[in-house]
């Protein structure tokens, strides 16, 4: 009688998982948190800058209509 062979598939880690594992080895949790907080701040600054540019375009468009109407 032949014994049943069980094959268990394990998922390969993603690149993100691999980078996080390396990060965990190289950095302490405090440094890791600080880096993530810094990146979150960068993204928020970019969002605010985009909002400022959009608001400036709206104001310029309104000012252009007002000045040409007078």
PDB file of N, CA and C in Angstrom:
ATOM      1  N   UNK A   1       0.839  -1.169   0.000  1.00  0.00           N
ATOM      2  CA  UNK A   1       0.000   0.000   0.000  1.00  0.00           C
ATOM      3  C   UNK A   1       0.887   1.236   0.000  1.00  0.00           C
ATOM      4  N   UNK A   2       0.520   2.202  -0.834  1.00  0.00           N
ATOM      5  CA  UNK A   2       1.341   3.401  -0.984  1.00  0.00           C
ATOM      6  C   UNK A   2       0.839   4.492  -0.039  1.00  0.00           C
ATOM      7  N   UNK A   3       1.744   5.130   0.670  1.00  0.00           N
ATOM      8  CA  UNK A   3       1.381   6.206   1.606  1.00  0.00           C
ATOM      9  C   UNK A   3       1.037   7.458   0.809  1.00  0.00           C
ATOM     10  N   UNK A   4       0.015   8.158   1.270  1.00  0.00           N
ATOM     11  CA  UNK A   4      -0.392   9.392   0.603  1.00  0.00           C
ATOM     12  C   UNK A   4       0.650  10.471   0.876  1.00  0.00           C
ATOM     13  N   UNK A   5       1.007  11.179  -0.164  1.00  0.00           N
ATOM     14  CA  UNK A   5       1.970  12.258  -0.035  1.00  0.00           C
ATOM     15  C   UNK A   5       1.216  13.572   0.038  1.00  0.00           C
ATOM     16  N   UNK A   6       1.478  14.306   1.072  1.00  0.00           N
ATOM     17  CA  UNK A   6       0.836  15.598   1.236  1.00  0.00           C
ATOM     18  C   UNK A   6       1.794  16.687   0.785  1.00  0.00           C
ATOM     19  N   UNK A   7       1.306  17.507  -0.108  1.00  0.00           N
ATOM     20  CA  UNK A   7       2.092  18.640  -0.573  1.00  0.00           C
ATOM     21  C   UNK A   7       1.388  19.894  -0.100  1.00  0.00           C
ATOM     22  N   UNK A   8       2.121  20.668   0.623  1.00  0.00           N
ATOM     23  CA  UNK A   8       1.533  21.910   1.125  1.00  0.00           C
ATOM     24  C   UNK A   8       2.191  23.079   0.406  1.00  0.00           C
ATOM     25  N   UNK A   9       1.353  23.885  -0.233  1.00  0.00           N
ATOM     26  CA  UNK A   9       1.869  25.048  -0.946  1.00  0.00           C
ATOM     27  C   UNK A   9       1.972  26.215   0.021  1.00  0.00           C
ATOM     28  N   UNK A  10       3.111  26.859  -0.015  1.00  0.00           N
ATOM     29  CA  UNK A  10       3.272  28.058   0.798  1.00  0.00           C
ATOM     30  C   UNK A  10       3.477  29.231  -0.148  1.00  0.00           C
ATOM     31  N   UNK A  11       2.804  30.308   0.146  1.00  0.00           N
ATOM     32  CA  UNK A  11       2.911  31.490  -0.694  1.00  0.00           C
ATOM     33  C   UNK A  11       4.277  32.133  -0.510  1.00  0.00           C
ATOM     34  N   UNK A  12       4.843  32.579  -1.607  1.00  0.00           N
ATOM     35  CA  UNK A  12       6.107  33.300  -1.535  1.00  0.00           C
ATOM     36  C   UNK A  12       5.818  34.696  -0.990  1.00  0.00           C
ATOM     37  N   UNK A  13       6.702  35.209  -0.184  1.00  0.00           N
ATOM     38  CA  UNK A  13       6.457  36.553   0.362  1.00  0.00           C
ATOM     39  C   UNK A  13       6.528  37.600  -0.752  1.00  0.00           C
ATOM     40  N   UNK A  14       5.728  38.624  -0.615  1.00  0.00           N
ATOM     41  CA  UNK A  14       5.763  39.707  -1.593  1.00  0.00           C
ATOM     42  C   UNK A  14       7.025  40.532  -1.364  1.00  0.00           C
ATOM     43  N   UNK A  15       7.312  41.390  -2.310  1.00  0.00           N
ATOM     44  CA  UNK A  15       8.469  42.274  -2.169  1.00  0.00           C
ATOM     45  C   UNK A  15       8.287  43.159  -0.939  1.00  0.00           C
ATOM     46  N   UNK A  16       7.064  43.632  -0.732  1.00  0.00           N
ATOM     47  CA  UNK A  16       6.789  44.474   0.440  1.00  0.00           C
ATOM     48  C   UNK A  16       7.063  43.710   1.730  1.00  0.00           C
ATOM     49  N   UNK A  17       6.606  42.457   1.789  1.00  0.00           N
ATOM     50  CA  UNK A  17       6.855  41.640   2.974  1.00  0.00           C
ATOM     51  C   UNK A  17       8.354  41.446   3.202  1.00  0.00           C
ATOM     52  N   UNK A  18       9.080  41.209   2.125  1.00  0.00           N
ATOM     53  CA  UNK A  18      10.522  41.003   2.236  1.00  0.00           C
ATOM     54  C   UNK A  18      11.214  42.269   2.730  1.00  0.00           C
ATOM     55  N   UNK A  19      10.808  43.426   2.185  1.00  0.00           N
ATOM     56  CA  UNK A  19      11.410  44.685   2.628  1.00  0.00           C
ATOM     57  C   UNK A  19      11.092  44.977   4.089  1.00  0.00           C
ATOM     58  N   UNK A  20       9.877  44.672   4.499  1.00  0.00           N
ATOM     59  CA  UNK A  20       9.518  44.888   5.907  1.00  0.00           C
ATOM     60  C   UNK A  20      10.322  43.981   6.820  1.00  0.00           C
ATOM     61  N   UNK A  21      10.591  42.758   6.385  1.00  0.00           N
ATOM     62  CA  UNK A  21      11.392  41.837   7.190  1.00  0.00           C
ATOM     63  C   UNK A  21      12.817  42.365   7.342  1.00  0.00           C
ATOM     64  N   UNK A  22      13.388  42.847   6.237  1.00  0.00           N
ATOM     65  CA  UNK A  22      14.744  43.410   6.291  1.00  0.00           C
ATOM     66  C   UNK A  22      14.750  44.654   7.173  1.00  0.00           C
ATOM     67  N   UNK A  23      13.713  45.487   7.016  1.00  0.00           N
ATOM     68  CA  UNK A  23      13.601  46.690   7.824  1.00  0.00           C
ATOM     69  C   UNK A  23      13.551  46.340   9.317  1.00  0.00           C
ATOM     70  N   UNK A  24      12.792  45.311   9.656  1.00  0.00           N
ATOM     71  CA  UNK A  24      12.664  44.901  11.053  1.00  0.00           C
ATOM     72  C   UNK A  24      14.010  44.452  11.616  1.00  0.00           C
ATOM     73  N   UNK A  25      14.830  43.808  10.766  1.00  0.00           N
ATOM     74  CA  UNK A  25      16.148  43.365  11.222  1.00  0.00           C
ATOM     75  C   UNK A  25      17.111  44.540  11.407  1.00  0.00           C
ATOM     76  N   UNK A  26      17.029  45.518  10.506  1.00  0.00           N
ATOM     77  CA  UNK A  26      18.005  46.604  10.517  1.00  0.00           C
ATOM     78  C   UNK A  26      17.633  47.761  11.432  1.00  0.00           C
ATOM     79  N   UNK A  27      16.354  48.022  11.573  1.00  0.00           N
ATOM     80  CA  UNK A  27      15.922  49.185  12.345  1.00  0.00           C
ATOM     81  C   UNK A  27      15.168  48.764  13.588  1.00  0.00           C
ATOM     82  N   UNK A  28      15.311  49.545  14.617  1.00  0.00           N
ATOM     83  CA  UNK A  28      14.496  49.329  15.796  1.00  0.00           C
ATOM     84  C   UNK A  28      13.081  49.819  15.517  1.00  0.00           C
ATOM     85  N   UNK A  29      12.148  49.446  16.350  1.00  0.00           N
ATOM     86  CA  UNK A  29      10.759  49.817  16.100  1.00  0.00           C
ATOM     87  C   UNK A  29      10.572  51.333  16.146  1.00  0.00           C
ATOM     88  N   UNK A  30      11.327  52.028  16.970  1.00  0.00           N
ATOM     89  CA  UNK A  30      11.215  53.483  17.041  1.00  0.00           C
ATOM     90  C   UNK A  30      11.626  54.157  15.749  1.00  0.00           C
ATOM     91  N   UNK A  31      12.724  53.687  15.172  1.00  0.00           N
ATOM     92  CA  UNK A  31      13.185  54.244  13.901  1.00  0.00           C
ATOM     93  C   UNK A  31      12.201  53.934  12.784  1.00  0.00           C
ATOM     94  N   UNK A  32      11.662  52.744  12.819  1.00  0.00           N
ATOM     95  CA  UNK A  32      10.698  52.327  11.795  1.00  0.00           C
ATOM     96  C   UNK A  32       9.451  53.203  11.860  1.00  0.00           C
ATOM     97  N   UNK A  33       8.974  53.450  13.069  1.00  0.00           N
ATOM     98  CA  UNK A  33       7.798  54.300  13.250  1.00  0.00           C
ATOM     99  C   UNK A  33       8.100  55.723  12.803  1.00  0.00           C
ATOM    100  N   UNK A  34       9.258  56.235  13.127  1.00  0.00           N
ATOM    101  CA  UNK A  34       9.637  57.591  12.733  1.00  0.00           C
ATOM    102  C   UNK A  34       9.698  57.706  11.210  1.00  0.00           C
ATOM    103  N   UNK A  35      10.246  56.702  10.548  1.00  0.00           N
ATOM    104  CA  UNK A  35      10.338  56.727   9.085  1.00  0.00           C
ATOM    105  C   UNK A  35       8.956  56.707   8.456  1.00  0.00           C
ATOM    106  N   UNK A  36       8.088  55.868   8.999  1.00  0.00           N
ATOM    107  CA  UNK A  36       6.711  55.807   8.461  1.00  0.00           C
ATOM    108  C   UNK A  36       5.976  57.111   8.699  1.00  0.00           C
ATOM    109  N   UNK A  37       6.160  57.700   9.874  1.00  0.00           N
ATOM    110  CA  UNK A  37       5.525  58.994  10.154  1.00  0.00           C
ATOM    111  C   UNK A  37       6.050  60.077   9.212  1.00  0.00           C
ATOM    112  N   UNK A  38       7.333  60.050   8.937  1.00  0.00           N
ATOM    113  CA  UNK A  38       7.916  61.030   8.022  1.00  0.00           C
ATOM    114  C   UNK A  38       7.327  60.873   6.621  1.00  0.00           C
ATOM    115  N   UNK A  39       7.181  59.649   6.157  1.00  0.00           N
ATOM    116  CA  UNK A  39       6.611  59.411   4.830  1.00  0.00           C
ATOM    117  C   UNK A  39       5.157  59.863   4.780  1.00  0.00           C
ATOM    118  N   UNK A  40       4.407  59.609   5.844  1.00  0.00           N
ATOM    119  CA  UNK A  40       3.014  60.065   5.910  1.00  0.00           C
ATOM    120  C   UNK A  40       2.963  61.585   5.819  1.00  0.00           C
ATOM    121  N   UNK A  41       3.902  62.265   6.469  1.00  0.00           N
ATOM    122  CA  UNK A  41       3.959  63.727   6.406  1.00  0.00           C
ATOM    123  C   UNK A  41       4.272  64.209   4.992  1.00  0.00           C
ATOM    124  N   UNK A  42       5.173  63.526   4.319  1.00  0.00           N
ATOM    125  CA  UNK A  42       5.502  63.881   2.934  1.00  0.00           C
ATOM    126  C   UNK A  42       4.259  63.774   2.055  1.00  0.00           C
ATOM    127  N   UNK A  43       3.519  62.688   2.191  1.00  0.00           N
ATOM    128  CA  UNK A  43       2.317  62.502   1.383  1.00  0.00           C
ATOM    129  C   UNK A  43       1.271  63.573   1.686  1.00  0.00           C
ATOM    130  N   UNK A  44       1.130  63.915   2.952  1.00  0.00           N
ATOM    131  CA  UNK A  44       0.174  64.959   3.345  1.00  0.00           C
ATOM    132  C   UNK A  44       0.597  66.319   2.793  1.00  0.00           C
ATOM    133  N   UNK A  45       1.893  66.625   2.831  1.00  0.00           N
ATOM    134  CA  UNK A  45       2.390  67.883   2.261  1.00  0.00           C
ATOM    135  C   UNK A  45       2.118  67.948   0.765  1.00  0.00           C
ATOM    136  N   UNK A  46       2.310  66.835   0.069  1.00  0.00           N
ATOM    137  CA  UNK A  46       2.022  66.802  -1.372  1.00  0.00           C
ATOM    138  C   UNK A  46       0.545  67.046  -1.643  1.00  0.00           C
ATOM    139  N   UNK A  47      -0.320  66.463  -0.814  1.00  0.00           N
ATOM    140  CA  UNK A  47      -1.762  66.652  -0.993  1.00  0.00           C
ATOM    141  C   UNK A  47      -2.133  68.115  -0.781  1.00  0.00           C
ATOM    142  N   UNK A  48      -1.564  68.730   0.268  1.00  0.00           N
ATOM    143  CA  UNK A  48      -1.850  70.139   0.547  1.00  0.00           C
ATOM    144  C   UNK A  48      -1.352  71.035  -0.584  1.00  0.00           C
ATOM    145  N   UNK A  49      -0.180  70.746  -1.122  1.00  0.00           N
ATOM    146  CA  UNK A  49       0.361  71.541  -2.230  1.00  0.00           C
ATOM    147  C   UNK A  49      -0.555  71.440  -3.453  1.00  0.00           C
ATOM    148  N   UNK A  50      -1.039  70.257  -3.740  1.00  0.00           N
ATOM    149  CA  UNK A  50      -1.958  70.062  -4.866  1.00  0.00           C
ATOM    150  C   UNK A  50      -3.240  70.862  -4.634  1.00  0.00           C
ATOM    151  N   UNK A  51      -3.762  70.828  -3.413  1.00  0.00           N
ATOM    152  CA  UNK A  51      -4.968  71.591  -3.084  1.00  0.00           C
ATOM    153  C   UNK A  51      -4.738  73.095  -3.254  1.00  0.00           C
ATOM    154  N   UNK A  52      -3.548  73.582  -2.849  1.00  0.00           N
ATOM    155  CA  UNK A  52      -3.235  75.004  -3.000  1.00  0.00           C
ATOM    156  C   UNK A  52      -3.207  75.413  -4.466  1.00  0.00           C
ATOM    157  N   UNK A  53      -2.604  74.576  -5.313  1.00  0.00           N
ATOM    158  CA  UNK A  53      -2.529  74.879  -6.747  1.00  0.00           C
ATOM    159  C   UNK A  53      -3.928  74.917  -7.346  1.00  0.00           C
ATOM    160  N   UNK A  54      -4.769  73.957  -6.982  1.00  0.00           N
ATOM    161  CA  UNK A  54      -6.138  73.938  -7.493  1.00  0.00           C
ATOM    162  C   UNK A  54      -6.906  75.171  -7.037  1.00  0.00           C
ATOM    163  N   UNK A  55      -6.748  75.563  -5.774  1.00  0.00           N
ATOM    164  CA  UNK A  55      -7.428  76.750  -5.264  1.00  0.00           C
ATOM    165  C   UNK A  55      -6.931  78.006  -5.977  1.00  0.00           C
ATOM    166  N   UNK A  56      -5.645  78.069  -6.246  1.00  0.00           N
ATOM    167  CA  UNK A  56      -5.083  79.219  -6.953  1.00  0.00           C
ATOM    168  C   UNK A  56      -5.669  79.310  -8.353  1.00  0.00           C
ATOM    169  N   UNK A  57      -5.808  78.196  -9.039  1.00  0.00           N
ATOM    170  CA  UNK A  57      -6.385  78.201 -10.384  1.00  0.00           C
ATOM    171  C   UNK A  57      -7.836  78.681 -10.356  1.00  0.00           C
ATOM    172  N   UNK A  58      -8.590  78.255  -9.364  1.00  0.00           N
ATOM    173  CA  UNK A  58      -9.986  78.684  -9.238  1.00  0.00           C
ATOM    174  C   UNK A  58     -10.040  80.185  -8.994  1.00  0.00           C
ATOM    175  N   UNK A  59      -9.211  80.681  -8.082  1.00  0.00           N
ATOM    176  CA  UNK A  59      -9.204  82.115  -7.792  1.00  0.00           C
ATOM    177  C   UNK A  59      -8.799  82.938  -9.014  1.00  0.00           C
ATOM    178  N   UNK A  60      -7.806  82.462  -9.751  1.00  0.00           N
ATOM    179  CA  UNK A  60      -7.382  83.171 -10.964  1.00  0.00           C
ATOM    180  C   UNK A  60      -8.489  83.178 -12.006  1.00  0.00           C
ATOM    181  N   UNK A  61      -9.218  82.069 -12.125  1.00  0.00           N
ATOM    182  CA  UNK A  61     -10.315  81.997 -13.090  1.00  0.00           C
ATOM    183  C   UNK A  61     -11.424  82.962 -12.707  1.00  0.00           C
ATOM    184  N   UNK A  62     -11.753  83.020 -11.429  1.00  0.00           N
ATOM    185  CA  UNK A  62     -12.799  83.934 -10.959  1.00  0.00           C
ATOM    186  C   UNK A  62     -12.346  85.376 -11.149  1.00  0.00           C
ATOM    187  N   UNK A  63     -11.102  85.684 -10.819  1.00  0.00           N
ATOM    188  CA  UNK A  63     -10.574  87.039 -10.974  1.00  0.00           C
ATOM    189  C   UNK A  63     -10.562  87.439 -12.445  1.00  0.00           C
ATOM    190  N   UNK A  64     -10.257  86.512 -13.336  1.00  0.00           N
ATOM    191  CA  UNK A  64     -10.247  86.799 -14.767  1.00  0.00           C
ATOM    192  C   UNK A  64     -11.627  87.120 -15.282  1.00  0.00           C
ATOM    193  N   UNK A  65     -12.627  86.410 -14.825  1.00  0.00           N
ATOM    194  CA  UNK A  65     -14.007  86.680 -15.247  1.00  0.00           C
ATOM    195  C   UNK A  65     -14.482  88.016 -14.709  1.00  0.00           C
ATOM    196  N   UNK A  66     -14.122  88.320 -13.480  1.00  0.00           N
ATOM    197  CA  UNK A  66     -14.566  89.570 -12.852  1.00  0.00           C
ATOM    198  C   UNK A  66     -13.942  90.770 -13.543  1.00  0.00           C
ATOM    199  N   UNK A  67     -12.630  90.713 -13.830  1.00  0.00           N
ATOM    200  CA  UNK A  67     -11.953  91.857 -14.422  1.00  0.00           C
ATOM    201  C   UNK A  67     -12.391  92.062 -15.875  1.00  0.00           C
ATOM    202  N   UNK A  68     -12.682  91.017 -16.620  1.00  0.00           N
ATOM    203  CA  UNK A  68     -13.110  91.180 -18.004  1.00  0.00           C
ATOM    204  C   UNK A  68     -14.556  91.640 -18.083  1.00  0.00           C
ATOM    205  N   UNK A  69     -15.332  91.421 -17.036  1.00  0.00           N
ATOM    206  CA  UNK A  69     -16.735  91.837 -17.032  1.00  0.00           C
ATOM    207  C   UNK A  69     -16.878  93.314 -16.727  1.00  0.00           C
ATOM    208  N   UNK A  70     -15.856  93.939 -16.103  1.00  0.00           N
ATOM    209  CA  UNK A  70     -15.961  95.353 -15.736  1.00  0.00           C
ATOM    210  C   UNK A  70     -15.380  96.246 -16.784  1.00  0.00           C
TER     211      UNK A  70
END
